[in-house]
Amino acid sequence: MFGPGLVTGAADDDPSGIATYSQGGAQFGYAMSWTMFLTTPFMIAIQMVTARIGAVTGKGLAANLGKALPAAALYLLVGLLLIANTINIAADIAAMGDALRLVAGGPALVYVALFGIGCLAAQILVPFHRYSQYLKILTLALFAYVAAAFSVHVAWDQVVVATFIPRLSWDRDLTLMLVAIFGTTISPYMFFWQASHEGEDRSLRSNADASAASLTRKRLALRDASRIRFDTVTGMIYSNLIGFFIIVTTGATLHAHGITQIDTAEQAAEALRPLAGPLAFFLFSIGIIGTGLLAVPVLAGSAAYAVAESFGWRGSLELPARSAPGFYLIVAAATITGLVAALTPLNPIRMLFWSAVVNGVVAVPLMAGMMIVVANRKIMGAFAASRLLMIGGWAATALMSVVVAAMLLTSFSG
């Protein structure tokens, strides 16, 4: 029952996401906790849309968006996705190296190199049907943040009030944080990854059962639709609960002690050590490493799927590298470029917050394109989105549009 939805949701809580949630908790305390509950139904709706597109068509999101968007628009969006993903890969690899240094000591740069090379080798050498099982196991690393929240003193009465009675103000910093959180929770690479992952799962089932190909649509209606719904709902709720506990933990410790600026996830972990004790520090650090190992392949893979589908290249993590050279070239380029950036003084980690903002901006046209595709009966056949799913998907698109517009207005107004 667990698959693409769980992995996609867990990968959303990568070290860059942890940094964003930690900054939200440090800067505003518990005041950002409500965002995790507000975004959950919208995440579920939009990820159900992308999952349905992949499962029904057997193709990734870029291949389907090419039928609904002008080629130039698709190339622009995929190019921005590739840039944002590469920056995130750099930040995640660097965060893993620094987190391991904090826990075990030793040279962070060596750990960075090992993590980068290891992630790339695993994607190239391990078949996807086996690799996806490892990704599912890595989702357990996120429980470290639940444990971290219960290892420190939290004013739960204040958390409940902040969660269910949010206080909003027309403030530039607050608006930017909202956009960053929305850009982290509703992120473009999640759209591409889950659609392609569902397509991979469909291909694997068809290869395992000669009759599966002819029964795909019937099975989708009778069995796979329930599996996709359960998997996606569980994955998105899991993702946002972890974000909630990160905000609560950092709000109860960093914000309560006057630490209001956190640039990276490992800075949050290091700041926790004197304030919350070694257990919270250890759990936070281990979580960074586990989520990074989960997220780097998802970031590189989603970029490769998007580029390959845009240009009509053959591409799949199930194929050996010699059968899909262009696809694996993108995987390698994104990972190696991210690794090199993580090893240089350029310090791309400081761009994490703004890359999250860029993701929020890019997500809007992507989400609109997805809604056009999922409503198109020529593409989706009898499995075009229901009225309820269309309402949820367009509501998520509208919400992201409003948040991005508010960010732009506050930025131009000074």
Protein backbone atom coordinates (compact mmCIF):
# COMPACT_ATOMS: atom_id res chain seq x y z
CA MET A 1 0.00 0.00 0.00
CA PHE A 2 2.96 2.34 0.53
CA GLY A 3 4.93 3.60 -2.44
CA PRO A 4 5.35 6.83 -4.41
CA GLY A 5 3.12 8.91 -2.12
CA LEU A 6 5.00 7.99 1.06
CA VAL A 7 8.43 8.49 -0.52
CA THR A 8 7.40 11.80 -2.12
CA GLY A 9 5.98 13.14 1.13
CA ALA A 10 9.00 12.08 3.16
CA ALA A 11 11.43 13.53 0.60
CA ASP A 12 9.67 16.86 1.04
CA ASP A 13 11.21 17.02 4.53
CA ASP A 14 14.76 17.10 3.17
CA PRO A 15 17.53 19.13 4.88
CA SER A 16 16.48 22.24 2.93
CA GLY A 17 12.92 21.79 4.15
CA ILE A 18 14.20 21.21 7.68
CA ALA A 19 16.14 24.48 7.41
CA THR A 20 13.00 26.35 6.30
CA TYR A 21 10.84 24.90 9.08
CA SER A 22 13.61 25.52 11.62
CA GLN A 23 13.86 29.15 10.53
CA GLY A 24 10.09 29.46 10.84
CA GLY A 25 10.19 28.10 14.38
CA ALA A 26 13.23 30.15 15.38
CA GLN A 27 11.91 33.43 13.95
CA PHE A 28 8.22 33.17 14.85
CA GLY A 29 8.04 30.48 17.54
CA TYR A 30 4.87 28.41 17.43
CA ALA A 31 3.15 31.00 15.23
CA MET A 32 3.91 29.08 12.01
CA SER A 33 2.56 25.73 13.22
CA TRP A 34 -0.88 26.35 11.66
CA THR A 35 0.61 26.33 8.17
CA MET A 36 1.29 22.60 8.37
CA PHE A 37 -2.39 21.85 8.82
CA LEU A 38 -3.61 24.38 6.28
CA THR A 39 -1.37 23.05 3.52
CA THR A 40 -2.14 19.36 4.12
CA PRO A 41 -5.46 19.08 2.20
CA PHE A 42 -4.05 21.14 -0.66
CA MET A 43 -0.92 18.97 -0.81
CA ILE A 44 -3.09 15.86 -0.89
CA ALA A 45 -5.26 17.25 -3.70
CA ILE A 46 -2.41 18.35 -5.97
CA GLN A 47 -0.37 15.19 -5.38
CA MET A 48 -3.45 13.09 -6.11
CA VAL A 49 -3.66 14.95 -9.42
CA THR A 50 -0.04 14.20 -10.37
CA ALA A 51 -0.31 10.59 -9.16
CA ARG A 52 -3.42 10.04 -11.27
CA ILE A 53 -1.73 11.51 -14.35
CA GLY A 54 1.24 9.16 -13.98
CA ALA A 55 -0.81 6.07 -13.17
CA VAL A 56 -3.33 6.53 -16.00
CA THR A 57 -0.97 7.57 -18.79
CA GLY A 58 2.10 5.59 -17.73
CA LYS A 59 4.13 8.72 -18.50
CA GLY A 60 5.68 11.42 -16.38
CA LEU A 61 4.42 14.92 -15.82
CA ALA A 62 6.60 16.70 -18.40
CA ALA A 63 5.44 14.37 -21.18
CA ASN A 64 1.83 15.19 -20.35
CA LEU A 65 2.39 18.90 -19.79
CA GLY A 66 3.86 19.05 -23.30
CA LYS A 67 0.31 18.42 -24.55
CA ALA A 68 -1.13 21.34 -22.58
CA LEU A 69 1.61 24.01 -22.54
CA PRO A 70 3.64 25.72 -25.27
CA ALA A 71 7.05 24.10 -25.73
CA ALA A 72 8.87 27.29 -24.70
CA ALA A 73 6.92 27.49 -21.45
CA LEU A 74 7.61 23.84 -20.67
CA TYR A 75 11.35 24.22 -21.32
CA LEU A 76 11.48 27.32 -19.11
CA LEU A 77 9.73 25.62 -16.22
CA VAL A 78 11.85 22.46 -16.53
CA GLY A 79 15.00 24.59 -16.69
CA LEU A 80 14.05 26.40 -13.49
CA LEU A 81 13.25 23.06 -11.88
CA LEU A 82 16.70 21.74 -12.82
CA ILE A 83 18.41 24.82 -11.33
CA ALA A 84 16.37 24.73 -8.11
CA ASN A 85 16.89 20.98 -7.69
CA THR A 86 20.64 21.28 -8.20
CA ILE A 87 20.85 24.01 -5.54
CA ASN A 88 18.82 21.84 -3.19
CA ILE A 89 21.09 18.86 -3.87
CA ALA A 90 24.14 20.99 -3.00
CA ALA A 91 22.52 22.15 0.22
CA ASP A 92 21.35 18.67 1.19
CA ILE A 93 24.73 17.02 0.59
CA ALA A 94 26.52 19.77 2.51
CA ALA A 95 24.00 19.47 5.35
CA MET A 96 24.54 15.70 5.56
CA GLY A 97 28.31 16.16 5.71
CA ASP A 98 28.09 18.81 8.41
CA ALA A 99 25.56 16.77 10.40
CA LEU A 100 27.82 13.71 10.40
CA ARG A 101 30.75 15.93 11.46
CA LEU A 102 28.70 17.23 14.37
CA VAL A 103 27.88 13.69 15.51
CA ALA A 104 31.09 11.78 14.75
CA GLY A 105 33.76 14.45 14.27
CA GLY A 106 36.21 14.35 11.39
CA PRO A 107 36.39 16.27 8.09
CA ALA A 108 33.02 17.41 6.76
CA LEU A 109 34.35 17.72 3.19
CA VAL A 110 35.23 14.03 3.09
CA TYR A 111 31.73 13.14 4.28
CA VAL A 112 30.25 15.48 1.67
CA ALA A 113 32.19 13.73 -1.11
CA LEU A 114 31.22 10.27 0.14
CA PHE A 115 27.54 11.15 0.39
CA GLY A 116 27.48 12.71 -3.08
CA ILE A 117 29.33 9.86 -4.79
CA GLY A 118 27.36 7.24 -2.86
CA CYS A 119 23.97 8.71 -3.83
CA LEU A 120 24.97 8.91 -7.49
CA ALA A 121 26.39 5.37 -7.57
CA ALA A 122 23.23 3.96 -5.98
CA GLN A 123 20.98 5.62 -8.57
CA ILE A 124 23.07 4.32 -11.46
CA LEU A 125 23.91 0.82 -10.23
CA VAL A 126 20.82 -0.29 -8.26
CA PRO A 127 17.65 -1.16 -10.24
CA PHE A 128 14.70 1.02 -9.35
CA HIS A 129 12.46 -1.79 -8.05
CA ARG A 130 15.10 -2.53 -5.42
CA TYR A 131 16.15 1.06 -4.84
CA SER A 132 12.57 2.14 -4.16
CA GLN A 133 12.47 -0.31 -1.24
CA TYR A 134 15.48 1.41 0.32
CA LEU A 135 13.76 4.77 -0.11
CA LYS A 136 10.72 3.50 1.77
CA ILE A 137 12.94 2.34 4.65
CA LEU A 138 14.65 5.74 4.80
CA THR A 139 11.29 7.41 5.45
CA LEU A 140 11.55 6.03 9.00
CA ALA A 141 14.34 8.55 9.67
CA LEU A 142 11.71 11.27 9.97
CA PHE A 143 10.48 9.82 13.26
CA ALA A 144 13.63 11.35 14.77
CA TYR A 145 11.87 14.73 14.69
CA VAL A 146 8.84 13.42 16.56
CA ALA A 147 11.19 12.06 19.22
CA ALA A 148 13.10 15.36 19.30
CA ALA A 149 9.92 17.32 20.00
CA PHE A 150 9.09 15.11 22.98
CA SER A 151 12.64 15.29 24.33
CA VAL A 152 12.34 19.03 25.07
CA HIS A 153 9.91 21.09 27.12
CA VAL A 154 7.07 22.32 24.92
CA ALA A 155 4.24 24.60 26.01
CA TRP A 156 1.58 22.50 24.29
CA ASP A 157 -1.25 24.82 25.32
CA GLN A 158 0.46 27.62 23.39
CA VAL A 159 1.03 25.28 20.45
CA VAL A 160 -2.68 24.42 20.30
CA VAL A 161 -3.66 28.09 20.37
CA ALA A 162 -1.12 29.04 17.68
CA THR A 163 -2.19 26.10 15.51
CA PHE A 164 -5.93 26.63 15.58
CA ILE A 165 -6.12 30.41 16.11
CA PRO A 166 -3.45 31.83 13.80
CA ARG A 167 -2.45 35.49 14.07
CA LEU A 168 -1.69 37.10 10.71
CA SER A 169 -0.21 40.47 9.88
CA TRP A 170 0.76 42.29 6.67
CA ASP A 171 4.47 41.92 7.36
CA ARG A 172 7.12 41.35 4.71
CA ASP A 173 9.13 38.85 6.79
CA LEU A 174 6.02 36.89 7.70
CA THR A 175 4.85 36.84 4.06
CA LEU A 176 8.25 35.65 2.82
CA MET A 177 8.25 32.90 5.42
CA LEU A 178 4.75 31.83 4.35
CA VAL A 179 5.88 31.66 0.72
CA ALA A 180 8.99 29.70 1.72
CA ILE A 181 6.93 27.21 3.73
CA PHE A 182 4.37 26.84 0.94
CA GLY A 183 7.21 26.49 -1.58
CA THR A 184 8.72 23.76 0.59
CA THR A 185 5.51 21.84 1.27
CA ILE A 186 4.02 22.23 -2.22
CA SER A 187 7.14 21.85 -4.32
CA PRO A 188 7.53 21.26 -8.07
CA TYR A 189 9.98 18.38 -7.80
CA MET A 190 7.34 16.44 -5.85
CA PHE A 191 4.96 16.74 -8.82
CA PHE A 192 7.46 15.35 -11.30
CA TRP A 193 8.74 12.61 -9.01
CA GLN A 194 5.39 11.12 -8.01
CA ALA A 195 4.02 11.13 -11.55
CA SER A 196 7.15 9.41 -12.87
CA HIS A 197 7.25 7.02 -9.91
CA GLU A 198 3.64 5.98 -10.55
CA GLY A 199 4.56 5.44 -14.20
CA GLU A 200 7.51 3.29 -13.14
CA ASP A 201 5.28 1.22 -10.87
CA ARG A 202 2.81 0.69 -13.71
CA SER A 203 5.62 -0.48 -16.01
CA LEU A 204 6.99 -2.85 -13.36
CA ARG A 205 3.56 -4.41 -12.84
CA SER A 206 3.06 -4.77 -16.59
CA ASN A 207 6.44 -6.47 -16.98
CA ALA A 208 5.69 -8.84 -14.11
CA ASP A 209 2.29 -9.82 -15.50
CA ALA A 210 1.81 -10.18 -19.25
CA SER A 211 -1.91 -9.52 -18.91
CA ALA A 212 -1.45 -6.43 -16.75
CA ALA A 213 -1.00 -4.05 -19.67
CA SER A 214 -4.41 -4.83 -21.10
CA LEU A 215 -6.02 -4.61 -17.66
CA THR A 216 -4.29 -1.41 -16.54
CA ARG A 217 -7.32 0.85 -16.71
CA LYS A 218 -9.62 -1.68 -15.07
CA ARG A 219 -7.12 -2.33 -12.28
CA LEU A 220 -6.63 1.38 -11.77
CA ALA A 221 -10.34 1.77 -11.22
CA LEU A 222 -10.79 -1.22 -8.94
CA ARG A 223 -7.60 -1.49 -6.93
CA ASP A 224 -4.89 1.00 -7.78
CA ALA A 225 -7.13 4.03 -7.20
CA SER A 226 -7.57 2.99 -3.57
CA ARG A 227 -3.85 2.30 -3.20
CA ILE A 228 -2.92 5.68 -4.71
CA ARG A 229 -5.39 7.48 -2.46
CA PHE A 230 -4.19 5.75 0.71
CA ASP A 231 -0.51 6.13 -0.19
CA THR A 232 -0.76 9.80 -1.14
CA VAL A 233 -2.92 10.85 1.81
CA THR A 234 -0.66 9.03 4.26
CA GLY A 235 2.51 10.44 2.69
CA MET A 236 1.33 14.06 2.76
CA ILE A 237 -0.01 13.86 6.33
CA TYR A 238 3.25 12.23 7.43
CA SER A 239 5.27 14.94 5.70
CA ASN A 240 3.41 17.82 7.32
CA LEU A 241 3.30 16.25 10.78
CA ILE A 242 7.10 16.10 10.67
CA GLY A 243 7.25 19.75 9.60
CA PHE A 244 4.92 20.58 12.48
CA PHE A 245 7.18 18.87 15.02
CA ILE A 246 10.27 20.63 13.63
CA ILE A 247 8.57 24.03 14.03
CA VAL A 248 7.45 23.11 17.55
CA THR A 249 10.93 21.87 18.57
CA THR A 250 12.78 24.93 17.29
CA GLY A 251 10.09 27.28 18.59
CA ALA A 252 10.33 25.77 22.07
CA THR A 253 14.12 25.97 22.15
CA LEU A 254 15.72 28.41 19.72
CA HIS A 255 12.98 31.07 19.65
CA ALA A 256 12.45 30.80 23.41
CA HIS A 257 16.15 31.56 23.96
CA GLY A 258 16.33 34.49 21.54
CA ILE A 259 17.89 32.64 18.58
CA THR A 260 15.82 33.90 15.66
CA GLN A 261 18.08 33.34 12.64
CA ILE A 262 18.92 29.87 11.32
CA ASP A 263 20.45 29.53 7.85
CA THR A 264 20.88 25.74 7.69
CA ALA A 265 19.51 22.56 9.23
CA GLU A 266 22.84 21.69 10.84
CA GLN A 267 22.96 25.13 12.47
CA ALA A 268 19.61 24.31 14.05
CA ALA A 269 20.98 20.97 15.28
CA GLU A 270 24.12 22.59 16.70
CA ALA A 271 22.11 25.33 18.42
CA LEU A 272 19.92 22.69 20.04
CA ARG A 273 22.85 21.00 21.83
CA PRO A 274 23.38 23.57 24.61
CA LEU A 275 19.70 24.47 24.82
CA ALA A 276 17.89 21.13 24.64
CA GLY A 277 20.58 18.60 25.50
CA PRO A 278 22.49 15.92 23.61
CA LEU A 279 19.46 13.73 22.83
CA ALA A 280 17.58 16.41 20.89
CA PHE A 281 20.81 17.37 19.13
CA PHE A 282 21.55 13.75 18.17
CA LEU A 283 18.02 13.08 16.92
CA PHE A 284 17.98 16.28 14.87
CA SER A 285 21.38 15.46 13.32
CA ILE A 286 20.52 11.85 12.47
CA GLY A 287 17.30 13.03 10.88
CA ILE A 288 19.26 15.38 8.60
CA ILE A 289 21.43 12.51 7.34
CA GLY A 290 18.50 10.12 6.81
CA THR A 291 16.31 12.63 5.02
CA GLY A 292 19.22 13.78 2.86
CA LEU A 293 19.87 10.22 1.70
CA LEU A 294 16.20 10.01 0.77
CA ALA A 295 15.90 13.42 -0.88
CA VAL A 296 19.04 13.62 -3.08
CA PRO A 297 17.94 10.74 -5.37
CA VAL A 298 14.42 12.20 -5.56
CA LEU A 299 15.74 15.65 -6.51
CA ALA A 300 18.15 14.31 -9.14
CA GLY A 301 15.65 11.77 -10.44
CA SER A 302 12.78 14.24 -10.77
CA ALA A 303 15.02 16.64 -12.72
CA ALA A 304 16.16 13.84 -15.02
CA TYR A 305 12.61 12.64 -15.66
CA ALA A 306 11.48 16.20 -16.44
CA VAL A 307 14.33 16.95 -18.87
CA ALA A 308 14.21 13.54 -20.58
CA GLU A 309 10.45 13.69 -21.11
CA SER A 310 10.63 17.28 -22.39
CA PHE A 311 13.08 16.29 -25.12
CA GLY A 312 11.59 12.87 -25.85
CA TRP A 313 14.59 10.94 -24.52
CA ARG A 314 14.29 7.45 -23.19
CA GLY A 315 14.57 7.61 -19.43
CA SER A 316 13.93 5.41 -16.42
CA LEU A 317 15.72 4.53 -13.19
CA GLU A 318 14.85 0.92 -13.97
CA LEU A 319 16.92 1.00 -17.18
CA PRO A 320 20.70 0.50 -17.15
CA ALA A 321 22.73 3.63 -17.87
CA ARG A 322 23.75 2.46 -21.35
CA SER A 323 20.07 2.24 -22.38
CA ALA A 324 19.20 5.79 -21.25
CA PRO A 325 22.41 7.86 -21.53
CA GLY A 326 20.70 11.27 -21.69
CA PHE A 327 18.58 10.53 -18.64
CA TYR A 328 21.52 9.40 -16.53
CA LEU A 329 23.60 12.31 -17.81
CA ILE A 330 21.09 14.66 -16.15
CA VAL A 331 21.13 12.57 -12.95
CA ALA A 332 24.93 12.71 -12.90
CA ALA A 333 25.13 16.38 -13.87
CA ALA A 334 22.68 17.50 -11.18
CA THR A 335 24.33 15.37 -8.48
CA ILE A 336 27.94 16.19 -9.41
CA THR A 337 27.21 19.92 -9.84
CA GLY A 338 25.52 19.89 -6.45
CA LEU A 339 28.49 18.02 -4.96
CA VAL A 340 31.01 20.48 -6.42
CA ALA A 341 28.96 23.43 -5.17
CA ALA A 342 28.83 21.86 -1.71
CA LEU A 343 32.64 21.53 -1.70
CA THR A 344 33.34 25.13 -2.77
CA PRO A 345 33.26 28.36 -0.74
CA LEU A 346 30.21 29.48 -2.76
CA ASN A 347 28.08 28.08 0.07
CA PRO A 348 24.82 27.46 -1.86
CA ILE A 349 23.16 26.49 1.42
CA ARG A 350 22.48 30.18 2.09
CA MET A 351 20.32 30.20 -1.04
CA LEU A 352 17.97 27.57 0.41
CA PHE A 353 15.39 30.01 1.64
CA TRP A 354 15.24 31.79 -1.70
CA SER A 355 15.19 28.54 -3.67
CA ALA A 356 12.10 27.64 -1.66
CA VAL A 357 10.57 30.98 -2.65
CA VAL A 358 11.44 30.30 -6.32
CA ASN A 359 9.80 26.88 -6.01
CA GLY A 360 6.65 28.59 -4.81
CA VAL A 361 6.61 30.90 -7.82
CA VAL A 362 7.35 28.10 -10.33
CA ALA A 363 4.70 25.86 -8.78
CA VAL A 364 1.80 28.11 -9.84
CA PRO A 365 1.98 27.63 -13.65
CA LEU A 366 2.91 23.99 -13.16
CA MET A 367 -0.15 23.38 -11.03
CA ALA A 368 -2.39 25.14 -13.54
CA GLY A 369 -0.95 22.98 -16.33
CA MET A 370 -1.51 19.83 -14.29
CA MET A 371 -5.15 20.75 -13.72
CA ILE A 372 -5.64 21.25 -17.46
CA VAL A 373 -4.10 17.83 -18.14
CA VAL A 374 -6.05 15.91 -15.49
CA ALA A 375 -9.35 17.38 -16.76
CA ASN A 376 -8.60 16.49 -20.41
CA ARG A 377 -10.53 13.37 -21.39
CA LYS A 378 -8.41 12.94 -24.52
CA ILE A 379 -5.44 12.37 -22.24
CA MET A 380 -7.08 10.81 -19.17
CA GLY A 381 -10.03 9.03 -20.75
CA ALA A 382 -12.59 7.84 -18.22
CA PHE A 383 -10.18 8.68 -15.42
CA ALA A 384 -10.30 12.45 -15.83
CA ALA A 385 -10.45 14.10 -12.42
CA SER A 386 -13.69 14.08 -10.47
CA ARG A 387 -15.41 17.32 -9.54
CA LEU A 388 -14.12 17.05 -5.95
CA LEU A 389 -10.53 16.55 -7.09
CA MET A 390 -10.82 19.45 -9.54
CA ILE A 391 -12.08 21.72 -6.74
CA GLY A 392 -9.24 20.66 -4.46
CA GLY A 393 -6.58 21.00 -7.16
CA TRP A 394 -7.70 24.43 -8.33
CA ALA A 395 -8.05 25.57 -4.70
CA ALA A 396 -4.43 24.56 -4.09
CA THR A 397 -3.39 26.45 -7.22
CA ALA A 398 -5.34 29.53 -6.15
CA LEU A 399 -3.89 29.41 -2.64
CA MET A 400 -0.34 29.25 -3.96
CA SER A 401 -1.11 32.11 -6.36
CA VAL A 402 -2.40 34.31 -3.52
CA VAL A 403 0.62 33.61 -1.34
CA VAL A 404 3.08 34.37 -4.16
CA ALA A 405 1.19 37.55 -5.10
CA ALA A 406 1.31 38.68 -1.47
CA MET A 407 5.06 38.09 -1.40
CA LEU A 408 5.58 40.17 -4.55
CA LEU A 409 3.37 43.01 -3.30
CA THR A 410 5.14 43.23 0.06
CA SER A 411 8.54 43.07 -1.64
CA PHE A 412 7.74 45.94 -4.04
CA SER A 413 6.14 48.00 -1.30
CA GLY A 414 9.37 47.86 0.67
